[in-house]
């Protein structure tokens, strides 16, 4: 399993579902797409949480060099 590819696929599916939801006219159809969007977001969240655990941020070091902005 390739996490990068899986995240890309989930992101594409999420964008597609959001586009379809915006075009839906029926309330029931919009609800179905909203559930799909929610499930895809939760699935992406699993990968984001895993990435956060794999690359911890050291907040004890207060040097300005670590701040990305």
Protein backbone atom coordinates (compact mmCIF):
# COMPACT_ATOMS: atom_id res chain seq x y z
CA UNK A 1 0.00 0.00 0.00
CA UNK A 2 1.38 3.38 -1.02
CA UNK A 3 0.15 6.08 1.38
CA UNK A 4 0.94 8.93 -1.03
CA UNK A 5 -1.05 7.36 -3.83
CA UNK A 6 -3.93 6.52 -1.49
CA UNK A 7 -4.07 10.11 -0.22
CA UNK A 8 -4.00 11.44 -3.79
CA UNK A 9 -6.82 9.10 -4.78
CA UNK A 10 -8.88 10.07 -1.74
CA UNK A 11 -8.31 13.75 -2.48
CA UNK A 12 -9.44 13.31 -6.08
CA UNK A 13 -12.54 11.42 -4.98
CA UNK A 14 -13.29 14.12 -2.42
CA UNK A 15 -13.03 16.87 -5.04
CA UNK A 16 -15.25 14.87 -7.37
CA UNK A 17 -17.86 14.27 -4.67
CA UNK A 18 -17.89 17.94 -3.70
CA UNK A 19 -18.40 18.95 -7.32
CA UNK A 20 -21.23 16.46 -7.73
CA UNK A 21 -22.81 17.61 -4.46
CA UNK A 22 -22.78 21.22 -5.65
CA UNK A 23 -24.62 20.21 -8.83
CA UNK A 24 -27.21 18.04 -7.07
CA UNK A 25 -30.73 19.44 -7.01
CA UNK A 26 -32.51 16.94 -4.78
CA UNK A 27 -32.10 17.17 -1.00
CA UNK A 28 -31.74 13.40 -0.67
CA UNK A 29 -29.00 13.38 -3.29
CA UNK A 30 -27.18 16.21 -1.49
CA UNK A 31 -27.43 14.25 1.77
CA UNK A 32 -25.96 11.16 0.12
CA UNK A 33 -23.04 13.19 -1.22
CA UNK A 34 -22.52 14.84 2.16
CA UNK A 35 -22.14 11.40 3.73
CA UNK A 36 -19.65 10.43 1.04
CA UNK A 37 -17.69 13.65 1.66
CA UNK A 38 -17.69 13.02 5.40
CA UNK A 39 -16.39 9.47 4.97
CA UNK A 40 -13.66 10.59 2.57
CA UNK A 41 -12.61 13.37 4.98
CA UNK A 42 -12.43 10.91 7.86
CA UNK A 43 -10.35 8.55 5.72
CA UNK A 44 -7.95 11.36 4.82
CA UNK A 45 -7.79 12.29 8.50
CA UNK A 46 -6.44 8.84 9.30
CA UNK A 47 -3.50 9.44 6.97
CA UNK A 48 -2.91 12.97 8.28
CA UNK A 49 -2.88 11.71 11.87
CA UNK A 50 -0.44 8.98 10.89
CA UNK A 51 1.80 11.55 9.21
CA UNK A 52 1.71 13.71 12.36
CA UNK A 53 2.78 10.75 14.47
CA UNK A 54 5.59 9.87 12.09
CA UNK A 55 7.02 13.40 11.89
CA UNK A 56 6.74 14.93 15.35
CA UNK A 57 7.20 18.67 15.78
CA UNK A 58 9.60 19.63 18.55
CA UNK A 59 7.80 22.50 20.28
CA UNK A 60 10.40 22.77 23.05
CA UNK A 61 12.85 24.54 20.76
CA UNK A 62 11.82 28.20 20.51
CA UNK A 63 14.35 29.24 17.87
CA UNK A 64 12.96 31.29 15.00
CA UNK A 65 14.64 29.04 12.43
CA UNK A 66 12.00 26.32 12.95
CA UNK A 67 9.05 28.58 12.18
CA UNK A 68 8.05 27.99 8.55
CA UNK A 69 6.59 31.46 7.99
